[in-house]
Amino acid sequence: MPRKPKIVALEREASAAPPLPPDDVAQAVAAVLRPTIRLLLRSGLDYPRLASELKALFIEEAVAQIEQSGHATTDSAISSLSGVHRKEVRNWRLAGRAPAAARPVALGGRVFARWISDADYLTADGKPRALPRTGAAPSFDSLVRAVTLDVHPFTVLQELIRLGIATVEIQDGGELVVPAHADFVPPAGSREALDLLAGNLGDHARAAVSNVLGGVPTLEQSVFAAGITDASAHRLQALARTLWLRMRTQMIEEATRLYEADRELPEARARVRFGSYFWSGPWEPAPEPEQDIPGGEEP
């Protein structure tokens, strides 16, 4: 009989977390790190460099957890929790490590988000429309001015062209700014692509870890399907893109409205990230365990 596809909706509700078995945690983290290590190796970053970075991260997270518990962050306490030798903890404390500055959302990304969500800049089917470079709204100049008055629109245009997100065409003697994609897709290997990786994977990991540790329940779900053909996987990918475009437009519109209402308030210090991803690859089902047949004989 043909194998039926295995389809599971994965949903989680966080609650108080019981003690976590270290071996199980290590196995789960290894699955998360494997594609990251592939990136490191392709980039020429070897194990000693990674170990050096991890040492500092273990110390910093240990300090944060000790402070949260209300205890003193002594070298011994940090060493005991992190596993890093006290001498190296002392060296870290003396050298210090400035916290990484939060990188603001790139202006090009903010302008493109406005381009794909503002009805004045969309076609009838909801796609970003080609815009006259200058002139009254809707034009590329007016689009940029709606986002910022601090940077000249031509500077933003050069950045979008550099990223391969927009091009300029000459039509009827005028310049027309044409979107190259319906999504903000930085070129492979660019600083912008790495920023997206850090932001998306970092916040996804924060949501998943919070749920595992029993934090406030947060959205972190997926749908998994296995035992299907490549053609079916491509159809599901197309469906995922369609669904994402609908959700993205609605989220950008509401986020923009709330930002305009909140930005002058002193308590407006929260941030959110809502994302979607799709991955397809080969699947090898685990072999089914052999079962004893009642009344059977040993071969």
Protein backbone atom coordinates (compact mmCIF):
# COMPACT_ATOMS: atom_id res chain seq x y z
CA MET A 1 0.00 0.00 0.00
CA PRO A 2 1.27 3.54 -0.69
CA ARG A 3 2.63 5.38 2.33
CA LYS A 4 0.27 8.03 3.66
CA PRO A 5 1.74 11.48 4.23
CA LYS A 6 2.43 12.30 7.83
CA ILE A 7 0.93 15.70 8.70
CA VAL A 8 1.10 17.12 12.18
CA ALA A 9 0.12 20.55 13.51
CA LEU A 10 2.68 21.41 16.17
CA GLU A 11 1.24 23.65 18.90
CA ARG A 12 2.63 24.52 22.29
CA GLU A 13 1.32 25.94 25.50
CA ALA A 14 3.99 26.98 27.93
CA SER A 15 3.63 26.17 31.60
CA ALA A 16 5.95 25.80 34.53
CA ALA A 17 8.88 23.85 33.14
CA PRO A 18 10.05 20.71 34.97
CA PRO A 19 13.79 20.06 35.26
CA LEU A 20 15.18 19.63 31.76
CA PRO A 21 17.34 16.54 31.07
CA PRO A 22 20.74 17.91 29.93
CA ASP A 23 21.19 15.17 27.34
CA ASP A 24 17.84 15.94 25.74
CA VAL A 25 18.61 19.65 25.73
CA ALA A 26 22.02 19.00 24.14
CA GLN A 27 20.39 16.92 21.40
CA ALA A 28 17.83 19.64 20.65
CA VAL A 29 20.45 22.41 20.61
CA ALA A 30 22.68 20.33 18.30
CA ALA A 31 19.85 20.19 15.76
CA VAL A 32 19.54 23.98 15.95
CA LEU A 33 23.29 24.56 15.66
CA ARG A 34 23.99 22.25 12.71
CA PRO A 35 22.95 24.70 9.93
CA THR A 36 24.67 27.51 11.85
CA ILE A 37 27.93 25.55 11.89
CA ARG A 38 27.56 25.04 8.15
CA LEU A 39 27.44 28.83 7.81
CA LEU A 40 30.49 29.24 10.05
CA LEU A 41 32.57 26.76 8.07
CA ARG A 42 31.61 28.34 4.77
CA SER A 43 32.66 31.70 6.23
CA GLY A 44 36.07 30.49 7.44
CA LEU A 45 35.16 30.59 11.15
CA ASP A 46 36.54 27.47 12.85
CA TYR A 47 35.87 25.80 16.19
CA PRO A 48 38.45 27.76 18.26
CA ARG A 49 36.87 31.05 17.14
CA LEU A 50 33.39 29.78 17.94
CA ALA A 51 34.53 28.44 21.32
CA SER A 52 35.97 31.84 22.18
CA GLU A 53 32.67 33.54 21.35
CA LEU A 54 30.67 30.91 23.24
CA LYS A 55 32.80 31.34 26.36
CA ALA A 56 31.87 35.00 26.61
CA LEU A 57 28.20 34.22 25.92
CA PHE A 58 28.11 31.58 28.66
CA ILE A 59 29.57 34.09 31.12
CA GLU A 60 27.19 36.87 30.13
CA GLU A 61 24.09 34.66 30.34
CA ALA A 62 25.26 33.25 33.67
CA VAL A 63 25.65 36.80 35.02
CA ALA A 64 22.13 37.66 33.82
CA GLN A 65 20.59 34.59 35.49
CA ILE A 66 22.45 35.16 38.77
CA GLU A 67 21.37 38.82 38.85
CA GLN A 68 17.79 37.79 38.12
CA SER A 69 17.85 35.44 41.11
CA GLY A 70 19.03 38.27 43.37
CA HIS A 71 22.42 36.75 44.22
CA ALA A 72 25.86 38.32 43.99
CA THR A 73 27.67 37.82 40.69
CA THR A 74 30.95 36.60 42.15
CA ASP A 75 33.58 34.92 40.01
CA SER A 76 32.90 31.64 41.81
CA ALA A 77 29.15 31.85 41.21
CA ILE A 78 29.64 32.67 37.54
CA SER A 79 32.19 29.88 37.11
CA SER A 80 29.97 27.35 38.89
CA LEU A 81 26.95 28.10 36.70
CA SER A 82 28.71 28.57 33.36
CA GLY A 83 31.48 25.97 33.67
CA VAL A 84 34.07 28.56 32.63
CA HIS A 85 37.22 28.59 34.79
CA ARG A 86 37.33 31.33 37.43
CA LYS A 87 40.56 32.71 35.96
CA GLU A 88 38.88 33.24 32.61
CA VAL A 89 35.83 34.75 34.30
CA ARG A 90 38.17 37.19 36.05
CA ASN A 91 39.88 38.04 32.75
CA TRP A 92 36.50 38.64 31.16
CA ARG A 93 35.46 40.90 34.03
CA LEU A 94 38.69 42.93 33.78
CA ALA A 95 38.57 43.23 30.00
CA GLY A 96 34.85 43.92 29.91
CA ARG A 97 32.69 43.42 26.88
CA ALA A 98 30.49 46.20 25.63
CA PRO A 99 26.97 44.99 24.83
CA ALA A 100 26.29 44.80 21.13
CA ALA A 101 24.46 47.87 19.95
CA ALA A 102 21.02 47.14 18.60
CA ARG A 103 21.13 47.67 14.85
CA PRO A 104 18.19 49.79 13.72
CA VAL A 105 15.94 48.50 10.97
CA ALA A 106 17.63 49.51 7.73
CA LEU A 107 16.00 52.51 6.08
CA GLY A 108 15.74 50.60 2.81
CA GLY A 109 13.69 47.92 4.57
CA ARG A 110 11.40 50.51 6.15
CA VAL A 111 10.80 52.24 2.81
CA PHE A 112 10.11 48.92 1.11
CA ALA A 113 7.68 47.94 3.90
CA ARG A 114 5.75 51.14 3.21
CA TRP A 115 5.88 50.43 -0.52
CA ILE A 116 4.23 47.00 -0.13
CA SER A 117 1.60 48.05 2.42
CA ASP A 118 0.37 51.56 1.53
CA ALA A 119 -2.60 51.32 -0.83
CA ASP A 120 -1.45 54.46 -2.66
CA TYR A 121 1.66 52.62 -3.84
CA LEU A 122 0.07 49.28 -4.77
CA THR A 123 -1.43 47.91 -7.96
CA ALA A 124 -5.00 46.65 -8.12
CA ASP A 125 -3.80 43.13 -7.24
CA GLY A 126 -1.88 44.34 -4.18
CA LYS A 127 1.66 44.33 -5.57
CA PRO A 128 4.12 47.26 -5.24
CA ARG A 129 3.67 49.48 -8.30
CA ALA A 130 6.33 51.15 -10.43
CA LEU A 131 6.67 54.78 -9.34
CA PRO A 132 7.83 57.99 -11.01
CA ARG A 133 11.12 58.87 -9.34
CA THR A 134 10.09 62.46 -8.60
CA GLY A 135 6.90 64.46 -8.41
CA ALA A 136 3.74 64.48 -6.38
CA ALA A 137 2.42 61.38 -4.64
CA PRO A 138 2.42 58.62 -5.51
CA SER A 139 6.09 58.87 -6.49
CA PHE A 140 9.28 57.36 -5.11
CA ASP A 141 10.19 60.72 -3.57
CA SER A 142 6.85 60.94 -1.76
CA LEU A 143 7.22 57.31 -0.61
CA VAL A 144 10.57 58.04 1.02
CA ARG A 145 9.36 61.35 2.49
CA ALA A 146 6.49 59.46 4.14
CA VAL A 147 9.07 57.36 6.01
CA THR A 148 11.84 59.88 6.75
CA LEU A 149 12.77 63.50 6.13
CA ASP A 150 16.36 62.97 7.25
CA VAL A 151 17.68 61.14 4.16
CA HIS A 152 17.36 62.29 0.55
CA PRO A 153 15.19 59.97 -1.59
CA PHE A 154 17.98 59.60 -4.16
CA THR A 155 20.25 58.15 -1.45
CA VAL A 156 17.57 55.59 -0.54
CA LEU A 157 17.10 54.76 -4.22
CA GLN A 158 20.83 54.07 -4.62
CA GLU A 159 20.65 51.70 -1.63
CA LEU A 160 17.68 49.79 -3.04
CA ILE A 161 19.46 49.48 -6.39
CA ARG A 162 22.61 48.22 -4.63
CA LEU A 163 20.56 45.55 -2.88
CA GLY A 164 18.93 44.51 -6.15
CA ILE A 165 15.48 45.41 -4.79
CA ALA A 166 14.63 48.13 -7.33
CA THR A 167 15.71 49.29 -10.77
CA VAL A 168 15.24 52.48 -12.74
CA GLU A 169 13.73 52.47 -16.22
CA ILE A 170 13.28 55.33 -18.68
CA GLN A 171 9.71 55.58 -19.95
CA ASP A 172 8.26 58.51 -21.92
CA GLY A 173 11.34 60.54 -21.13
CA GLY A 174 10.94 60.13 -17.34
CA GLU A 175 12.52 57.90 -14.73
CA LEU A 176 10.41 55.09 -13.31
CA VAL A 177 11.46 53.20 -10.15
CA VAL A 178 10.48 49.56 -10.61
CA PRO A 179 10.40 46.99 -7.75
CA ALA A 180 12.43 43.89 -8.54
CA HIS A 181 10.60 41.71 -5.98
CA ALA A 182 7.40 41.63 -4.01
CA ASP A 183 9.52 40.97 -0.90
CA PHE A 184 12.53 42.58 0.76
CA VAL A 185 15.19 40.07 -0.35
CA PRO A 186 18.77 41.22 0.28
CA PRO A 187 21.43 39.57 -1.91
CA ALA A 188 23.14 36.43 -0.58
CA GLY A 189 26.19 37.17 1.54
CA SER A 190 25.27 40.81 2.18
CA ARG A 191 25.34 42.56 5.55
CA GLU A 192 21.57 42.97 5.25
CA ALA A 193 21.07 39.22 4.77
CA LEU A 194 23.09 38.54 7.93
CA ASP A 195 21.04 41.13 9.82
CA LEU A 196 17.86 39.30 8.81
CA LEU A 197 19.37 35.96 9.90
CA ALA A 198 20.36 37.36 13.30
CA GLY A 199 17.04 39.10 13.88
CA ASN A 200 14.75 36.35 12.65
CA LEU A 201 16.54 33.35 14.16
CA GLY A 202 17.37 35.21 17.35
CA ASP A 203 13.79 36.18 18.10
CA HIS A 204 12.45 32.80 16.98
CA ALA A 205 14.86 31.17 19.44
CA ARG A 206 13.78 33.56 22.21
CA ALA A 207 10.13 32.61 21.68
CA ALA A 208 10.85 28.87 21.59
CA VAL A 209 13.16 28.91 24.62
CA SER A 210 10.69 31.02 26.61
CA ASN A 211 7.99 28.45 25.95
CA VAL A 212 10.27 25.56 26.95
CA LEU A 213 11.30 27.30 30.16
CA GLY A 214 7.71 28.11 31.14
CA GLY A 215 7.57 31.79 30.27
CA VAL A 216 4.47 33.67 29.19
CA PRO A 217 3.00 31.53 26.35
CA THR A 218 3.93 32.99 22.99
CA LEU A 219 3.16 32.05 19.40
CA GLU A 220 5.67 29.51 18.08
CA GLN A 221 3.99 26.94 15.87
CA SER A 222 4.49 25.13 12.59
CA VAL A 223 2.91 22.57 10.30
CA PHE A 224 5.03 19.55 9.31
CA ALA A 225 4.33 17.27 6.35
CA ALA A 226 6.41 14.29 5.26
CA GLY A 227 6.07 11.50 2.72
CA ILE A 228 5.15 13.78 -0.21
CA THR A 229 6.70 14.39 -3.62
CA ASP A 230 8.92 17.31 -4.62
CA ALA A 231 6.06 18.61 -6.78
CA SER A 232 3.75 18.64 -3.77
CA ALA A 233 6.42 20.40 -1.71
CA HIS A 234 6.65 23.12 -4.37
CA ARG A 235 2.86 23.54 -4.30
CA LEU A 236 2.94 23.94 -0.53
CA GLN A 237 5.74 26.49 -0.83
CA ALA A 238 3.64 28.54 -3.26
CA LEU A 239 0.70 28.35 -0.85
CA ALA A 240 2.93 29.44 2.04
CA ARG A 241 4.08 32.50 0.09
CA THR A 242 0.49 33.45 -0.71
CA LEU A 243 -0.58 33.13 2.91
CA TRP A 244 2.46 35.09 4.08
CA LEU A 245 1.72 38.00 1.74
CA ARG A 246 -1.79 38.29 3.18
CA MET A 247 -0.59 38.18 6.79
CA ARG A 248 2.35 40.51 6.15
CA THR A 249 0.18 43.24 4.64
CA GLN A 250 -2.28 43.17 7.52
CA MET A 251 0.48 43.15 10.15
CA ILE A 252 2.34 46.07 8.55
CA GLU A 253 -0.85 48.13 8.34
CA GLU A 254 -1.72 47.53 12.00
CA ALA A 255 1.88 47.98 13.19
CA THR A 256 2.08 51.29 11.34
CA ARG A 257 -1.18 52.50 12.87
CA LEU A 258 -0.10 51.51 16.39
CA TYR A 259 3.35 53.05 15.95
CA GLU A 260 1.85 56.38 14.94
CA ALA A 261 -0.44 56.27 17.99
CA ASP A 262 2.24 55.15 20.47
CA ARG A 263 5.51 56.76 19.42
CA GLU A 264 5.16 59.87 21.65
CA LEU A 265 4.28 57.86 24.76
CA PRO A 266 7.07 57.42 27.35
CA GLU A 267 6.18 53.74 27.82
CA ALA A 268 6.57 52.99 24.09
CA ARG A 269 9.63 50.75 24.54
CA ALA A 270 8.34 47.36 23.39
CA ARG A 271 9.22 45.64 20.13
CA VAL A 272 7.66 42.72 18.27
CA ARG A 273 8.64 40.47 15.38
CA PHE A 274 6.16 38.34 13.46
CA GLY A 275 7.60 36.06 10.82
CA SER A 276 7.10 33.02 8.66
CA TYR A 277 9.45 30.47 7.15
CA PHE A 278 9.31 27.50 4.82
CA TRP A 279 11.84 24.71 4.37
CA SER A 280 11.75 21.62 2.19
CA GLY A 281 14.33 18.86 2.06
CA PRO A 282 14.71 15.09 1.81
CA TRP A 283 13.01 12.97 4.46
CA GLU A 284 14.05 9.50 5.51
CA PRO A 285 11.50 7.91 7.85
CA ALA A 286 12.89 6.12 10.87
CA PRO A 287 12.85 2.33 10.41
CA GLU A 288 9.95 0.68 12.11
CA PRO A 289 10.96 -1.62 15.01
CA GLU A 290 10.68 -5.31 14.34
CA GLN A 291 7.70 -6.93 16.02
CA ASP A 292 7.35 -10.46 17.20
CA ILE A 293 4.72 -12.41 15.36
CA PRO A 294 2.55 -14.43 17.73
CA GLY A 295 3.27 -18.08 17.27
CA GLY A 296 6.17 -17.37 14.96
CA GLU A 297 9.46 -19.29 14.95
CA GLU A 298 13.03 -18.05 15.01
CA PRO A 299 14.56 -18.23 11.51
